[in-house]
C-alpha atoms as a PDB file:
ATOM      1  CA  UNK A   1      37.125  93.933 106.692  1.00  0.00           C
ATOM      2  CA  UNK A   2      36.990  93.081 103.021  1.00  0.00           C
ATOM      3  CA  UNK A   3      34.007  94.426 101.107  1.00  0.00           C
ATOM      4  CA  UNK A   4      32.022  91.847  99.230  1.00  0.00           C
ATOM      5  CA  UNK A   5      30.048  92.329  96.049  1.00  0.00           C
ATOM      6  CA  UNK A   6      26.776  92.794  97.959  1.00  0.00           C
ATOM      7  CA  UNK A   7      28.139  95.588 100.160  1.00  0.00           C
ATOM      8  CA  UNK A   8      29.862  97.273  97.246  1.00  0.00           C
ATOM      9  CA  UNK A   9      26.695  97.156  95.146  1.00  0.00           C
ATOM     10  CA  UNK A  10      24.706  98.714  97.997  1.00  0.00           C
ATOM     11  CA  UNK A  11      27.258 101.521  98.410  1.00  0.00           C
ATOM     12  CA  UNK A  12      27.354 102.150  94.654  1.00  0.00           C
ATOM     13  CA  UNK A  13      23.554 102.295  94.535  1.00  0.00           C
ATOM     14  CA  UNK A  14      23.451 104.841  97.384  1.00  0.00           C
ATOM     15  CA  UNK A  15      26.046 106.939  95.566  1.00  0.00           C
ATOM     16  CA  UNK A  16      24.179 106.492  92.281  1.00  0.00           C
ATOM     17  CA  UNK A  17      27.261 105.009  90.656  1.00  0.00           C
ATOM     18  CA  UNK A  18      27.195 102.598  87.745  1.00  0.00           C
ATOM     19  CA  UNK A  19      30.432 100.632  87.955  1.00  0.00           C
ATOM     20  CA  UNK A  20      31.796  98.082  85.503  1.00  0.00           C
ATOM     21  CA  UNK A  21      33.667  95.022  86.787  1.00  0.00           C
ATOM     22  CA  UNK A  22      37.090  96.713  86.683  1.00  0.00           C
ATOM     23  CA  UNK A  23      35.799  99.763  88.565  1.00  0.00           C
ATOM     24  CA  UNK A  24      34.117  97.524  91.152  1.00  0.00           C
ATOM     25  CA  UNK A  25      37.360  95.652  91.732  1.00  0.00           C
ATOM     26  CA  UNK A  26      39.370  98.874  92.103  1.00  0.00           C
ATOM     27  CA  UNK A  27      36.791 100.533  94.361  1.00  0.00           C
ATOM     28  CA  UNK A  28      36.496  97.448  96.555  1.00  0.00           C
ATOM     29  CA  UNK A  29      40.235  97.600  97.235  1.00  0.00           C
ATOM     30  CA  UNK A  30      40.178 101.337  97.965  1.00  0.00           C
ATOM     31  CA  UNK A  31      37.189 101.124 100.297  1.00  0.00           C
ATOM     32  CA  UNK A  32      38.705  98.125 102.074  1.00  0.00           C
ATOM     33  CA  UNK A  33      41.836 100.217 102.697  1.00  0.00           C
ATOM     34  CA  UNK A  34      39.709 103.067 104.082  1.00  0.00           C
ATOM     35  CA  UNK A  35      37.869 100.687 106.411  1.00  0.00           C
ATOM     36  CA  UNK A  36      41.178  99.210 107.581  1.00  0.00           C
ATOM     37  CA  UNK A  37      42.375 102.720 108.436  1.00  0.00           C
ATOM     38  CA  UNK A  38      39.135 103.404 110.322  1.00  0.00           C
ATOM     39  CA  UNK A  39      39.752 100.220 112.334  1.00  0.00           C
ATOM     40  CA  UNK A  40      43.208 101.522 113.290  1.00  0.00           C
ATOM     41  CA  UNK A  41      41.667 104.832 114.406  1.00  0.00           C
ATOM     42  CA  UNK A  42      38.949 103.021 116.356  1.00  0.00           C
ATOM     43  CA  UNK A  43      41.645 101.103 118.262  1.00  0.00           C
ATOM     44  CA  UNK A  44      43.261 104.314 119.568  1.00  0.00           C
ATOM     45  CA  UNK A  45      42.848 104.642 123.327  1.00  0.00           C
ATOM     46  CA  UNK A  46      40.854 107.828 123.927  1.00  0.00           C
ATOM     47  CA  UNK A  47      40.150 107.116 127.597  1.00  0.00           C
ATOM     48  CA  UNK A  48      40.014 110.383 129.524  1.00  0.00           C
ATOM     49  CA  UNK A  49      39.877 112.596 126.445  1.00  0.00           C
ATOM     50  CA  UNK A  50      36.744 114.706 126.279  1.00  0.00           C
ATOM     51  CA  UNK A  51      34.983 114.717 122.921  1.00  0.00           C
ATOM     52  CA  UNK A  52      35.143 117.929 120.942  1.00  0.00           C
ATOM     53  CA  UNK A  53      31.881 119.323 119.672  1.00  0.00           C
ATOM     54  CA  UNK A  54      33.665 121.859 117.496  1.00  0.00           C
ATOM     55  CA  UNK A  55      36.617 121.671 115.176  1.00  0.00           C
ATOM     56  CA  UNK A  56      38.601 124.033 117.364  1.00  0.00           C
ATOM     57  CA  UNK A  57      39.971 123.671 120.867  1.00  0.00           C
ATOM     58  CA  UNK A  58      38.080 125.656 123.502  1.00  0.00           C
ATOM     59  CA  UNK A  59      39.348 128.864 125.084  1.00  0.00           C
ATOM     60  CA  UNK A  60      40.294 128.836 128.753  1.00  0.00           C
ATOM     61  CA  UNK A  61      36.661 129.695 129.564  1.00  0.00           C
ATOM     62  CA  UNK A  62      35.461 126.486 127.923  1.00  0.00           C
ATOM     63  CA  UNK A  63      33.856 128.049 124.872  1.00  0.00           C
ATOM     64  CA  UNK A  64      35.067 127.107 121.407  1.00  0.00           C
ATOM     65  CA  UNK A  65      36.878 129.723 119.376  1.00  0.00           C
ATOM     66  CA  UNK A  66      35.176 130.972 116.233  1.00  0.00           C
ATOM     67  CA  UNK A  67      37.808 130.279 113.601  1.00  0.00           C
ATOM     68  CA  UNK A  68      35.522 130.669 110.605  1.00  0.00           C
ATOM     69  CA  UNK A  69      36.102 134.407 110.315  1.00  0.00           C
ATOM     70  CA  UNK A  70      33.577 137.126 109.688  1.00  0.00           C
ATOM     71  CA  UNK A  71      30.431 136.731 107.640  1.00  0.00           C
ATOM     72  CA  UNK A  72      31.274 139.266 104.957  1.00  0.00           C
ATOM     73  CA  UNK A  73      30.978 139.121 101.194  1.00  0.00           C
ATOM     74  CA  UNK A  74      34.327 139.245  99.440  1.00  0.00           C
ATOM     75  CA  UNK A  75      34.925 141.386  96.378  1.00  0.00           C
ATOM     76  CA  UNK A  76      36.257 138.496  94.312  1.00  0.00           C
ATOM     77  CA  UNK A  77      33.165 136.281  94.572  1.00  0.00           C
ATOM     78  CA  UNK A  78      32.695 133.727  91.799  1.00  0.00           C
ATOM     79  CA  UNK A  79      29.883 134.895  89.490  1.00  0.00           C
ATOM     80  CA  UNK A  80      26.710 132.802  89.775  1.00  0.00           C
ATOM     81  CA  UNK A  81      26.753 131.973  86.058  1.00  0.00           C
ATOM     82  CA  UNK A  82      30.237 130.491  86.417  1.00  0.00           C
ATOM     83  CA  UNK A  83      29.428 128.675  89.662  1.00  0.00           C
ATOM     84  CA  UNK A  84      26.376 126.911  88.226  1.00  0.00           C
ATOM     85  CA  UNK A  85      27.682 126.687  84.667  1.00  0.00           C
ATOM     86  CA  UNK A  86      28.295 122.940  84.817  1.00  0.00           C
ATOM     87  CA  UNK A  87      25.065 122.039  86.589  1.00  0.00           C
ATOM     88  CA  UNK A  88      22.571 119.838  84.810  1.00  0.00           C
ATOM     89  CA  UNK A  89      19.622 121.844  86.173  1.00  0.00           C
ATOM     90  CA  UNK A  90      19.624 125.408  87.518  1.00  0.00           C
ATOM     91  CA  UNK A  91      16.649 127.252  89.027  1.00  0.00           C
ATOM     92  CA  UNK A  92      16.819 130.828  90.336  1.00  0.00           C
ATOM     93  CA  UNK A  93      20.615 130.765  90.184  1.00  0.00           C
ATOM     94  CA  UNK A  94      20.886 127.620  92.296  1.00  0.00           C
ATOM     95  CA  UNK A  95      21.774 123.987  91.618  1.00  0.00           C
ATOM     96  CA  UNK A  96      18.809 121.628  91.452  1.00  0.00           C
ATOM     97  CA  UNK A  97      19.652 118.155  92.721  1.00  0.00           C
ATOM     98  CA  UNK A  98      17.529 115.014  92.971  1.00  0.00           C
ATOM     99  CA  UNK A  99      15.952 114.215  96.317  1.00  0.00           C
ATOM    100  CA  UNK A 100      17.822 111.326  97.932  1.00  0.00           C
ATOM    101  CA  UNK A 101      15.816 111.171 101.138  1.00  0.00           C
ATOM    102  CA  UNK A 102      12.478 109.391 101.292  1.00  0.00           C
ATOM    103  CA  UNK A 103       9.407 111.586 101.612  1.00  0.00           C
ATOM    104  CA  UNK A 104       8.047 111.934 105.132  1.00  0.00           C
ATOM    105  CA  UNK A 105       4.458 110.884 105.700  1.00  0.00           C
END
């Protein structure tokens, strides 16, 4: 599948990207390559392979292993001021980002 200008413009708008002609040409090629790879993956025969609902293989009992580790705070945590230092807007020590989802009625 080769991305056309209409599809590329729609993707750029969703990503809030403003691309010049050279960037559009480069991105169209890169996204076309990604889609071609997805087509190869979609063609893989997965008949008889159960889908995984977790990123880890299940234990013998059928439950997935918790590979994320404990929920503890490390001593070398990045200070909040450093973490949000490059953000355009910060409120209460957190990034403020624009709403990209439409409001629900």
